[in-house]
């Protein structure tokens, strides 16, 4: 996902003691603030990136967030096929991809 415009900043990983809970880097924008997360906690439970100006596709790596229960990406400019990697989100209870240009089946 990418955003058009916004301020830049970085957030650094605090402790390597939890390295088993982290995966690859991810660049996100939260309500106009662009952040680069060098490591992403795979046990996040809720992600709400709704009403941002995200464009592009949903990255496959989102399927590695095994603790994810809620995923809200509605009202962005996302397009393409819903990634098959979402089938790995076995505890996912709620997902909203509406008001995007997504296609395909929900895995």
PDB file of N, CA and C in Angstrom:
ATOM      1  N   UNK A   1       0.843  -1.166   0.000  1.00  0.00           N
ATOM      2  CA  UNK A   1       0.000   0.000   0.000  1.00  0.00           C
ATOM      3  C   UNK A   1       0.887   1.228   0.000  1.00  0.00           C
ATOM      4  N   UNK A   2       0.423   2.276  -0.622  1.00  0.00           N
ATOM      5  CA  UNK A   2       1.167   3.523  -0.600  1.00  0.00           C
ATOM      6  C   UNK A   2       0.188   4.673  -0.463  1.00  0.00           C
ATOM      7  N   UNK A   3       0.713   5.813  -0.075  1.00  0.00           N
ATOM      8  CA  UNK A   3      -0.128   6.998   0.080  1.00  0.00           C
ATOM      9  C   UNK A   3       0.427   8.119  -0.770  1.00  0.00           C
ATOM     10  N   UNK A   4      -0.445   8.992  -1.179  1.00  0.00           N
ATOM     11  CA  UNK A   4      -0.034  10.187  -1.903  1.00  0.00           C
ATOM     12  C   UNK A   4       0.019  11.327  -0.896  1.00  0.00           C
ATOM     13  N   UNK A   5       1.182  11.971  -0.758  1.00  0.00           N
ATOM     14  CA  UNK A   5       1.339  13.084   0.187  1.00  0.00           C
ATOM     15  C   UNK A   5       1.547  12.588   1.607  1.00  0.00           C
ATOM     16  N   UNK A   6       1.598  13.494   2.562  1.00  0.00           N
ATOM     17  CA  UNK A   6       1.748  13.138   3.971  1.00  0.00           C
ATOM     18  C   UNK A   6       3.128  13.451   4.495  1.00  0.00           C
ATOM     19  N   UNK A   7       3.268  13.427   5.805  1.00  0.00           N
ATOM     20  CA  UNK A   7       4.549  13.684   6.468  1.00  0.00           C
ATOM     21  C   UNK A   7       5.285  12.377   6.679  1.00  0.00           C
ATOM     22  N   UNK A   8       6.608  12.430   6.696  1.00  0.00           N
ATOM     23  CA  UNK A   8       7.402  11.217   6.877  1.00  0.00           C
ATOM     24  C   UNK A   8       7.934  11.130   8.295  1.00  0.00           C
ATOM     25  N   UNK A   9       8.103   9.919   8.765  1.00  0.00           N
ATOM     26  CA  UNK A   9       8.685   9.657  10.068  1.00  0.00           C
ATOM     27  C   UNK A   9       8.961   8.176  10.162  1.00  0.00           C
ATOM     28  N   UNK A  10       9.764   7.780  11.123  1.00  0.00           N
ATOM     29  CA  UNK A  10      10.042   6.358  11.289  1.00  0.00           C
ATOM     30  C   UNK A  10       9.791   5.964  12.727  1.00  0.00           C
ATOM     31  N   UNK A  11       9.492   4.712  12.904  1.00  0.00           N
ATOM     32  CA  UNK A  11       9.318   4.158  14.234  1.00  0.00           C
ATOM     33  C   UNK A  11      10.261   2.965  14.316  1.00  0.00           C
ATOM     34  N   UNK A  12      11.118   2.949  15.303  1.00  0.00           N
ATOM     35  CA  UNK A  12      12.124   1.903  15.394  1.00  0.00           C
ATOM     36  C   UNK A  12      11.691   0.816  16.370  1.00  0.00           C
ATOM     37  N   UNK A  13      12.199  -0.381  16.116  1.00  0.00           N
ATOM     38  CA  UNK A  13      11.942  -1.527  16.983  1.00  0.00           C
ATOM     39  C   UNK A  13      12.618  -1.285  18.327  1.00  0.00           C
ATOM     40  N   UNK A  14      11.915  -1.581  19.419  1.00  0.00           N
ATOM     41  CA  UNK A  14      12.420  -1.261  20.747  1.00  0.00           C
ATOM     42  C   UNK A  14      13.314  -2.354  21.311  1.00  0.00           C
ATOM     43  N   UNK A  15      12.906  -3.596  21.217  1.00  0.00           N
ATOM     44  CA  UNK A  15      13.684  -4.666  21.848  1.00  0.00           C
ATOM     45  C   UNK A  15      13.731  -5.888  20.942  1.00  0.00           C
ATOM     46  N   UNK A  16      14.906  -6.491  20.832  1.00  0.00           N
ATOM     47  CA  UNK A  16      15.052  -7.697  20.025  1.00  0.00           C
ATOM     48  C   UNK A  16      14.604  -8.950  20.769  1.00  0.00           C
ATOM     49  N   UNK A  17      14.257  -8.813  22.032  1.00  0.00           N
ATOM     50  CA  UNK A  17      13.851  -9.964  22.829  1.00  0.00           C
ATOM     51  C   UNK A  17      12.605 -10.636  22.274  1.00  0.00           C
ATOM     52  N   UNK A  18      11.803  -9.904  21.525  1.00  0.00           N
ATOM     53  CA  UNK A  18      10.561 -10.438  20.990  1.00  0.00           C
ATOM     54  C   UNK A  18      10.653 -10.725  19.499  1.00  0.00           C
ATOM     55  N   UNK A  19      11.817 -11.043  18.999  1.00  0.00           N
ATOM     56  CA  UNK A  19      12.019 -11.184  17.558  1.00  0.00           C
ATOM     57  C   UNK A  19      11.169 -12.287  16.930  1.00  0.00           C
ATOM     58  N   UNK A  20      10.748 -13.291  17.701  1.00  0.00           N
ATOM     59  CA  UNK A  20       9.902 -14.346  17.146  1.00  0.00           C
ATOM     60  C   UNK A  20       8.507 -13.846  16.800  1.00  0.00           C
ATOM     61  N   UNK A  21       8.125 -12.705  17.328  1.00  0.00           N
ATOM     62  CA  UNK A  21       6.795 -12.157  17.091  1.00  0.00           C
ATOM     63  C   UNK A  21       6.777 -11.118  15.980  1.00  0.00           C
ATOM     64  N   UNK A  22       7.892 -10.947  15.294  1.00  0.00           N
ATOM     65  CA  UNK A  22       7.987  -9.913  14.271  1.00  0.00           C
ATOM     66  C   UNK A  22       8.214 -10.529  12.904  1.00  0.00           C
ATOM     67  N   UNK A  23       7.829  -9.797  11.866  1.00  0.00           N
ATOM     68  CA  UNK A  23       8.031 -10.230  10.498  1.00  0.00           C
ATOM     69  C   UNK A  23       8.640  -9.078   9.711  1.00  0.00           C
ATOM     70  N   UNK A  24       8.574  -9.110   8.406  1.00  0.00           N
ATOM     71  CA  UNK A  24       9.212  -8.110   7.547  1.00  0.00           C
ATOM     72  C   UNK A  24       8.710  -6.701   7.803  1.00  0.00           C
ATOM     73  N   UNK A  25       9.425  -5.744   7.248  1.00  0.00           N
ATOM     74  CA  UNK A  25       9.060  -4.337   7.395  1.00  0.00           C
ATOM     75  C   UNK A  25       7.764  -4.020   6.663  1.00  0.00           C
ATOM     76  N   UNK A  26       7.124  -2.963   7.095  1.00  0.00           N
ATOM     77  CA  UNK A  26       5.877  -2.519   6.497  1.00  0.00           C
ATOM     78  C   UNK A  26       5.838  -1.008   6.571  1.00  0.00           C
ATOM     79  N   UNK A  27       5.449  -0.374   5.496  1.00  0.00           N
ATOM     80  CA  UNK A  27       5.262   1.070   5.491  1.00  0.00           C
ATOM     81  C   UNK A  27       3.769   1.332   5.508  1.00  0.00           C
ATOM     82  N   UNK A  28       3.321   2.090   6.496  1.00  0.00           N
ATOM     83  CA  UNK A  28       1.896   2.374   6.638  1.00  0.00           C
ATOM     84  C   UNK A  28       1.674   3.870   6.788  1.00  0.00           C
ATOM     85  N   UNK A  29       0.475   4.279   6.557  1.00  0.00           N
ATOM     86  CA  UNK A  29       0.091   5.660   6.815  1.00  0.00           C
ATOM     87  C   UNK A  29      -1.156   5.630   7.668  1.00  0.00           C
ATOM     88  N   UNK A  30      -1.105   6.286   8.789  1.00  0.00           N
ATOM     89  CA  UNK A  30      -2.233   6.313   9.712  1.00  0.00           C
ATOM     90  C   UNK A  30      -2.794   7.723   9.779  1.00  0.00           C
ATOM     91  N   UNK A  31      -3.926   7.927   9.123  1.00  0.00           N
ATOM     92  CA  UNK A  31      -4.625   9.205   9.140  1.00  0.00           C
ATOM     93  C   UNK A  31      -3.708  10.368   8.808  1.00  0.00           C
ATOM     94  N   UNK A  32      -2.955  10.243   7.720  1.00  0.00           N
ATOM     95  CA  UNK A  32      -2.142  11.342   7.214  1.00  0.00           C
ATOM     96  C   UNK A  32      -0.702  11.337   7.667  1.00  0.00           C
ATOM     97  N   UNK A  33      -0.308  10.496   8.611  1.00  0.00           N
ATOM     98  CA  UNK A  33       1.073  10.433   9.074  1.00  0.00           C
ATOM     99  C   UNK A  33       1.723   9.195   8.482  1.00  0.00           C
ATOM    100  N   UNK A  34       2.739   9.376   7.670  1.00  0.00           N
ATOM    101  CA  UNK A  34       3.405   8.247   7.029  1.00  0.00           C
ATOM    102  C   UNK A  34       4.487   7.711   7.950  1.00  0.00           C
ATOM    103  N   UNK A  35       4.462   6.407   8.207  1.00  0.00           N
ATOM    104  CA  UNK A  35       5.420   5.750   9.088  1.00  0.00           C
ATOM    105  C   UNK A  35       6.035   4.560   8.372  1.00  0.00           C
ATOM    106  N   UNK A  36       7.276   4.282   8.676  1.00  0.00           N
ATOM    107  CA  UNK A  36       7.897   3.039   8.226  1.00  0.00           C
ATOM    108  C   UNK A  36       8.150   2.205   9.460  1.00  0.00           C
ATOM    109  N   UNK A  37       7.574   1.015   9.489  1.00  0.00           N
ATOM    110  CA  UNK A  37       7.767   0.106  10.606  1.00  0.00           C
ATOM    111  C   UNK A  37       8.758  -0.959  10.169  1.00  0.00           C
ATOM    112  N   UNK A  38      10.007  -0.908  10.682  1.00  0.00           N
ATOM    113  CA  UNK A  38      11.016  -1.861  10.234  1.00  0.00           C
ATOM    114  C   UNK A  38      10.699  -3.305  10.618  1.00  0.00           C
ATOM    115  N   UNK A  39       9.908  -3.484  11.654  1.00  0.00           N
ATOM    116  CA  UNK A  39       9.488  -4.818  12.063  1.00  0.00           C
ATOM    117  C   UNK A  39       8.033  -4.727  12.480  1.00  0.00           C
ATOM    118  N   UNK A  40       7.271  -5.741  12.146  1.00  0.00           N
ATOM    119  CA  UNK A  40       5.835  -5.713  12.392  1.00  0.00           C
ATOM    120  C   UNK A  40       5.462  -6.842  13.345  1.00  0.00           C
ATOM    121  N   UNK A  41       4.759  -6.509  14.405  1.00  0.00           N
ATOM    122  CA  UNK A  41       4.318  -7.494  15.381  1.00  0.00           C
ATOM    123  C   UNK A  41       3.251  -8.390  14.755  1.00  0.00           C
ATOM    124  N   UNK A  42       3.507  -9.692  14.706  1.00  0.00           N
ATOM    125  CA  UNK A  42       2.569 -10.613  14.056  1.00  0.00           C
ATOM    126  C   UNK A  42       1.364 -10.924  14.926  1.00  0.00           C
ATOM    127  N   UNK A  43       1.377 -10.480  16.164  1.00  0.00           N
ATOM    128  CA  UNK A  43       0.255 -10.755  17.057  1.00  0.00           C
ATOM    129  C   UNK A  43      -0.689  -9.569  17.206  1.00  0.00           C
ATOM    130  N   UNK A  44      -0.609  -8.593  16.294  1.00  0.00           N
ATOM    131  CA  UNK A  44      -1.590  -7.505  16.308  1.00  0.00           C
ATOM    132  C   UNK A  44      -2.988  -8.102  16.260  1.00  0.00           C
ATOM    133  N   UNK A  45      -3.911  -7.537  17.034  1.00  0.00           N
ATOM    134  CA  UNK A  45      -5.275  -8.052  17.064  1.00  0.00           C
ATOM    135  C   UNK A  45      -6.229  -7.216  16.223  1.00  0.00           C
ATOM    136  N   UNK A  46      -5.993  -5.916  16.132  1.00  0.00           N
ATOM    137  CA  UNK A  46      -6.889  -5.032  15.389  1.00  0.00           C
ATOM    138  C   UNK A  46      -6.055  -4.102  14.519  1.00  0.00           C
ATOM    139  N   UNK A  47      -6.404  -4.022  13.246  1.00  0.00           N
ATOM    140  CA  UNK A  47      -5.793  -3.045  12.343  1.00  0.00           C
ATOM    141  C   UNK A  47      -6.931  -2.269  11.701  1.00  0.00           C
ATOM    142  N   UNK A  48      -6.893  -0.948  11.891  1.00  0.00           N
ATOM    143  CA  UNK A  48      -7.904  -0.084  11.301  1.00  0.00           C
ATOM    144  C   UNK A  48      -7.198   1.000  10.501  1.00  0.00           C
ATOM    145  N   UNK A  49      -7.095   0.785   9.201  1.00  0.00           N
ATOM    146  CA  UNK A  49      -6.509   1.761   8.284  1.00  0.00           C
ATOM    147  C   UNK A  49      -7.609   2.340   7.395  1.00  0.00           C
ATOM    148  N   UNK A  50      -8.798   2.468   7.944  1.00  0.00           N
ATOM    149  CA  UNK A  50      -9.923   2.987   7.173  1.00  0.00           C
ATOM    150  C   UNK A  50      -9.778   4.484   6.925  1.00  0.00           C
ATOM    151  N   UNK A  51     -10.379   4.907   5.825  1.00  0.00           N
ATOM    152  CA  UNK A  51     -10.451   6.323   5.453  1.00  0.00           C
ATOM    153  C   UNK A  51      -9.077   6.994   5.359  1.00  0.00           C
ATOM    154  N   UNK A  52      -8.114   6.272   4.867  1.00  0.00           N
ATOM    155  CA  UNK A  52      -6.816   6.833   4.501  1.00  0.00           C
ATOM    156  C   UNK A  52      -6.810   6.952   2.983  1.00  0.00           C
ATOM    157  N   UNK A  53      -5.699   7.348   2.440  1.00  0.00           N
ATOM    158  CA  UNK A  53      -5.623   7.465   0.981  1.00  0.00           C
ATOM    159  C   UNK A  53      -4.719   6.375   0.409  1.00  0.00           C
ATOM    160  N   UNK A  54      -4.841   5.162   0.948  1.00  0.00           N
ATOM    161  CA  UNK A  54      -4.024   4.063   0.458  1.00  0.00           C
ATOM    162  C   UNK A  54      -4.386   3.741  -0.979  1.00  0.00           C
ATOM    163  N   UNK A  55      -3.374   3.420  -1.776  1.00  0.00           N
ATOM    164  CA  UNK A  55      -3.561   2.974  -3.150  1.00  0.00           C
ATOM    165  C   UNK A  55      -2.741   1.718  -3.354  1.00  0.00           C
ATOM    166  N   UNK A  56      -3.074   0.962  -4.382  1.00  0.00           N
ATOM    167  CA  UNK A  56      -2.326  -0.248  -4.696  1.00  0.00           C
ATOM    168  C   UNK A  56      -3.073  -1.475  -4.217  1.00  0.00           C
ATOM    169  N   UNK A  57      -2.332  -2.500  -3.865  1.00  0.00           N
ATOM    170  CA  UNK A  57      -2.934  -3.772  -3.478  1.00  0.00           C
ATOM    171  C   UNK A  57      -2.674  -4.052  -2.000  1.00  0.00           C
ATOM    172  N   UNK A  58      -3.410  -4.999  -1.451  1.00  0.00           N
ATOM    173  CA  UNK A  58      -3.162  -5.456  -0.081  1.00  0.00           C
ATOM    174  C   UNK A  58      -1.972  -6.407  -0.149  1.00  0.00           C
ATOM    175  N   UNK A  59      -0.903  -6.157   0.608  1.00  0.00           N
ATOM    176  CA  UNK A  59       0.272  -7.030   0.534  1.00  0.00           C
ATOM    177  C   UNK A  59      -0.023  -8.427   1.084  1.00  0.00           C
ATOM    178  N   UNK A  60       0.560  -9.444   0.456  1.00  0.00           N
ATOM    179  CA  UNK A  60       0.377 -10.829   0.897  1.00  0.00           C
ATOM    180  C   UNK A  60       0.830 -11.049   2.328  1.00  0.00           C
ATOM    181  N   UNK A  61       1.799 -10.283   2.775  1.00  0.00           N
ATOM    182  CA  UNK A  61       2.367 -10.468   4.109  1.00  0.00           C
ATOM    183  C   UNK A  61       1.336 -10.262   5.214  1.00  0.00           C
ATOM    184  N   UNK A  62       0.226  -9.629   4.904  1.00  0.00           N
ATOM    185  CA  UNK A  62      -0.807  -9.422   5.920  1.00  0.00           C
ATOM    186  C   UNK A  62      -1.338 -10.762   6.426  1.00  0.00           C
ATOM    187  N   UNK A  63      -1.212 -11.809   5.626  1.00  0.00           N
ATOM    188  CA  UNK A  63      -1.609 -13.150   6.045  1.00  0.00           C
ATOM    189  C   UNK A  63      -0.729 -13.730   7.133  1.00  0.00           C
ATOM    190  N   UNK A  64       0.417 -13.106   7.409  1.00  0.00           N
ATOM    191  CA  UNK A  64       1.313 -13.558   8.480  1.00  0.00           C
ATOM    192  C   UNK A  64       0.916 -13.012   9.847  1.00  0.00           C
ATOM    193  N   UNK A  65      -0.057 -12.131   9.897  1.00  0.00           N
ATOM    194  CA  UNK A  65      -0.491 -11.531  11.165  1.00  0.00           C
ATOM    195  C   UNK A  65      -1.485 -12.474  11.838  1.00  0.00           C
ATOM    196  N   UNK A  66      -0.950 -13.554  12.400  1.00  0.00           N
ATOM    197  CA  UNK A  66      -1.754 -14.685  12.862  1.00  0.00           C
ATOM    198  C   UNK A  66      -2.694 -14.365  14.016  1.00  0.00           C
ATOM    199  N   UNK A  67      -2.469 -13.284  14.730  1.00  0.00           N
ATOM    200  CA  UNK A  67      -3.341 -12.915  15.842  1.00  0.00           C
ATOM    201  C   UNK A  67      -4.438 -11.943  15.461  1.00  0.00           C
ATOM    202  N   UNK A  68      -4.523 -11.598  14.181  1.00  0.00           N
ATOM    203  CA  UNK A  68      -5.448 -10.561  13.728  1.00  0.00           C
ATOM    204  C   UNK A  68      -6.904 -11.004  13.852  1.00  0.00           C
ATOM    205  N   UNK A  69      -7.704 -10.204  14.567  1.00  0.00           N
ATOM    206  CA  UNK A  69      -9.132 -10.479  14.742  1.00  0.00           C
ATOM    207  C   UNK A  69     -10.003  -9.511  13.950  1.00  0.00           C
ATOM    208  N   UNK A  70      -9.513  -8.283  13.738  1.00  0.00           N
ATOM    209  CA  UNK A  70     -10.279  -7.272  13.011  1.00  0.00           C
ATOM    210  C   UNK A  70      -9.374  -6.578  12.012  1.00  0.00           C
ATOM    211  N   UNK A  71      -9.819  -6.494  10.765  1.00  0.00           N
ATOM    212  CA  UNK A  71      -9.085  -5.810   9.703  1.00  0.00           C
ATOM    213  C   UNK A  71     -10.037  -4.855   8.996  1.00  0.00           C
ATOM    214  N   UNK A  72      -9.802  -3.556   9.170  1.00  0.00           N
ATOM    215  CA  UNK A  72     -10.627  -2.533   8.529  1.00  0.00           C
ATOM    216  C   UNK A  72      -9.775  -1.733   7.561  1.00  0.00           C
ATOM    217  N   UNK A  73     -10.063  -1.878   6.282  1.00  0.00           N
ATOM    218  CA  UNK A  73      -9.357  -1.147   5.228  1.00  0.00           C
ATOM    219  C   UNK A  73     -10.350  -0.387   4.349  1.00  0.00           C
ATOM    220  N   UNK A  74     -11.549  -0.162   4.849  1.00  0.00           N
ATOM    221  CA  UNK A  74     -12.586   0.436   4.013  1.00  0.00           C
ATOM    222  C   UNK A  74     -12.305   1.898   3.684  1.00  0.00           C
ATOM    223  N   UNK A  75     -12.877   2.329   2.577  1.00  0.00           N
ATOM    224  CA  UNK A  75     -12.815   3.707   2.074  1.00  0.00           C
ATOM    225  C   UNK A  75     -11.372   4.164   1.820  1.00  0.00           C
ATOM    226  N   UNK A  76     -10.681   3.419   0.969  1.00  0.00           N
ATOM    227  CA  UNK A  76      -9.349   3.754   0.484  1.00  0.00           C
ATOM    228  C   UNK A  76      -9.383   3.653  -1.038  1.00  0.00           C
ATOM    229  N   UNK A  77      -8.231   3.592  -1.647  1.00  0.00           N
ATOM    230  CA  UNK A  77      -8.136   3.413  -3.091  1.00  0.00           C
ATOM    231  C   UNK A  77      -7.484   2.092  -3.443  1.00  0.00           C
ATOM    232  N   UNK A  78      -7.703   1.065  -2.611  1.00  0.00           N
ATOM    233  CA  UNK A  78      -7.087  -0.237  -2.848  1.00  0.00           C
ATOM    234  C   UNK A  78      -7.743  -0.917  -4.038  1.00  0.00           C
ATOM    235  N   UNK A  79      -6.939  -1.684  -4.784  1.00  0.00           N
ATOM    236  CA  UNK A  79      -7.456  -2.372  -5.961  1.00  0.00           C
ATOM    237  C   UNK A  79      -6.776  -3.714  -6.110  1.00  0.00           C
ATOM    238  N   UNK A  80      -7.254  -4.501  -7.044  1.00  0.00           N
ATOM    239  CA  UNK A  80      -6.677  -5.812  -7.306  1.00  0.00           C
ATOM    240  C   UNK A  80      -7.492  -6.915  -6.660  1.00  0.00           C
ATOM    241  N   UNK A  81      -6.873  -8.071  -6.569  1.00  0.00           N
ATOM    242  CA  UNK A  81      -7.510  -9.268  -6.031  1.00  0.00           C
ATOM    243  C   UNK A  81      -7.260  -9.341  -4.524  1.00  0.00           C
ATOM    244  N   UNK A  82      -8.260  -9.782  -3.785  1.00  0.00           N
ATOM    245  CA  UNK A  82      -8.090 -10.004  -2.350  1.00  0.00           C
ATOM    246  C   UNK A  82      -7.075 -11.134  -2.192  1.00  0.00           C
ATOM    247  N   UNK A  83      -5.974 -10.916  -1.458  1.00  0.00           N
ATOM    248  CA  UNK A  83      -4.908 -11.922  -1.404  1.00  0.00           C
ATOM    249  C   UNK A  83      -5.346 -13.231  -0.744  1.00  0.00           C
ATOM    250  N   UNK A  84      -4.908 -14.330  -1.343  1.00  0.00           N
ATOM    251  CA  UNK A  84      -5.207 -15.661  -0.809  1.00  0.00           C
ATOM    252  C   UNK A  84      -4.583 -15.866   0.562  1.00  0.00           C
ATOM    253  N   UNK A  85      -3.535 -15.100   0.892  1.00  0.00           N
ATOM    254  CA  UNK A  85      -2.864 -15.247   2.187  1.00  0.00           C
ATOM    255  C   UNK A  85      -3.793 -14.927   3.357  1.00  0.00           C
ATOM    256  N   UNK A  86      -4.917 -14.252   3.096  1.00  0.00           N
ATOM    257  CA  UNK A  86      -5.868 -13.952   4.173  1.00  0.00           C
ATOM    258  C   UNK A  86      -6.488 -15.219   4.746  1.00  0.00           C
ATOM    259  N   UNK A  87      -6.411 -16.338   4.021  1.00  0.00           N
ATOM    260  CA  UNK A  87      -6.942 -17.595   4.541  1.00  0.00           C
ATOM    261  C   UNK A  87      -6.173 -18.075   5.764  1.00  0.00           C
ATOM    262  N   UNK A  88      -4.977 -17.549   5.995  1.00  0.00           N
ATOM    263  CA  UNK A  88      -4.168 -17.932   7.156  1.00  0.00           C
ATOM    264  C   UNK A  88      -4.592 -17.200   8.425  1.00  0.00           C
ATOM    265  N   UNK A  89      -5.484 -16.247   8.310  1.00  0.00           N
ATOM    266  CA  UNK A  89      -5.953 -15.479   9.468  1.00  0.00           C
ATOM    267  C   UNK A  89      -7.076 -16.259  10.149  1.00  0.00           C
ATOM    268  N   UNK A  90      -6.700 -17.301  10.865  1.00  0.00           N
ATOM    269  CA  UNK A  90      -7.678 -18.255  11.402  1.00  0.00           C
ATOM    270  C   UNK A  90      -8.532 -17.700  12.538  1.00  0.00           C
ATOM    271  N   UNK A  91      -8.111 -16.622  13.192  1.00  0.00           N
ATOM    272  CA  UNK A  91      -8.918 -16.048  14.275  1.00  0.00           C
ATOM    273  C   UNK A  91      -9.623 -14.763  13.846  1.00  0.00           C
ATOM    274  N   UNK A  92      -9.564 -14.442  12.539  1.00  0.00           N
ATOM    275  CA  UNK A  92     -10.193 -13.226  12.028  1.00  0.00           C
ATOM    276  C   UNK A  92     -11.710 -13.296  12.221  1.00  0.00           C
ATOM    277  N   UNK A  93     -12.264 -12.283  12.884  1.00  0.00           N
ATOM    278  CA  UNK A  93     -13.696 -12.222  13.154  1.00  0.00           C
ATOM    279  C   UNK A  93     -14.410 -11.199  12.281  1.00  0.00           C
ATOM    280  N   UNK A  94     -13.701 -10.135  11.890  1.00  0.00           N
ATOM    281  CA  UNK A  94     -14.335  -9.050  11.152  1.00  0.00           C
ATOM    282  C   UNK A  94     -13.352  -8.471  10.145  1.00  0.00           C
ATOM    283  N   UNK A  95     -13.834  -8.258   8.914  1.00  0.00           N
ATOM    284  CA  UNK A  95     -13.006  -7.652   7.874  1.00  0.00           C
ATOM    285  C   UNK A  95     -13.900  -6.762   7.023  1.00  0.00           C
ATOM    286  N   UNK A  96     -13.462  -5.523   6.798  1.00  0.00           N
ATOM    287  CA  UNK A  96     -14.227  -4.598   5.967  1.00  0.00           C
ATOM    288  C   UNK A  96     -13.315  -4.029   4.896  1.00  0.00           C
ATOM    289  N   UNK A  97     -13.568  -4.414   3.648  1.00  0.00           N
ATOM    290  CA  UNK A  97     -12.804  -3.939   2.497  1.00  0.00           C
ATOM    291  C   UNK A  97     -13.677  -3.076   1.591  1.00  0.00           C
ATOM    292  N   UNK A  98     -14.827  -2.661   2.062  1.00  0.00           N
ATOM    293  CA  UNK A  98     -15.770  -1.916   1.229  1.00  0.00           C
ATOM    294  C   UNK A  98     -15.214  -0.557   0.819  1.00  0.00           C
ATOM    295  N   UNK A  99     -15.812   0.013  -0.207  1.00  0.00           N
ATOM    296  CA  UNK A  99     -15.417   1.313  -0.768  1.00  0.00           C
ATOM    297  C   UNK A  99     -13.971   1.309  -1.256  1.00  0.00           C
ATOM    298  N   UNK A 100     -13.564   0.205  -1.857  1.00  0.00           N
ATOM    299  CA  UNK A 100     -12.292   0.050  -2.543  1.00  0.00           C
ATOM    300  C   UNK A 100     -12.599  -0.510  -3.924  1.00  0.00           C
ATOM    301  N   UNK A 101     -11.571  -0.818  -4.681  1.00  0.00           N
ATOM    302  CA  UNK A 101     -11.745  -1.372  -6.026  1.00  0.00           C
ATOM    303  C   UNK A 101     -11.225  -2.806  -6.060  1.00  0.00           C
ATOM    304  N   UNK A 102     -11.603  -3.591  -5.043  1.00  0.00           N
ATOM    305  CA  UNK A 102     -11.123  -4.958  -4.899  1.00  0.00           C
ATOM    306  C   UNK A 102     -11.996  -5.910  -5.709  1.00  0.00           C
ATOM    307  N   UNK A 103     -11.403  -7.038  -6.093  1.00  0.00           N
ATOM    308  CA  UNK A 103     -12.130  -8.052  -6.833  1.00  0.00           C
ATOM    309  C   UNK A 103     -11.760  -9.431  -6.345  1.00  0.00           C
ATOM    310  N   UNK A 104     -12.413 -10.417  -6.885  1.00  0.00           N
ATOM    311  CA  UNK A 104     -12.109 -11.794  -6.546  1.00  0.00           C
ATOM    312  C   UNK A 104     -12.906 -12.279  -5.349  1.00  0.00           C
ATOM    313  N   UNK A 105     -12.626 -13.524  -4.978  1.00  0.00           N
ATOM    314  CA  UNK A 105     -13.328 -14.155  -3.871  1.00  0.00           C
ATOM    315  C   UNK A 105     -12.614 -13.885  -2.561  1.00  0.00           C
ATOM    316  N   UNK A 106     -13.367 -13.931  -1.478  1.00  0.00           N
ATOM    317  CA  UNK A 106     -12.771 -13.844  -0.145  1.00  0.00           C
ATOM    318  C   UNK A 106     -12.270 -15.239   0.198  1.00  0.00           C
ATOM    319  N   UNK A 107     -10.981 -15.378   0.489  1.00  0.00           N
ATOM    320  CA  UNK A 107     -10.409 -16.710   0.754  1.00  0.00           C
ATOM    321  C   UNK A 107     -11.015 -17.381   1.978  1.00  0.00           C
TER     322      UNK A 107
END
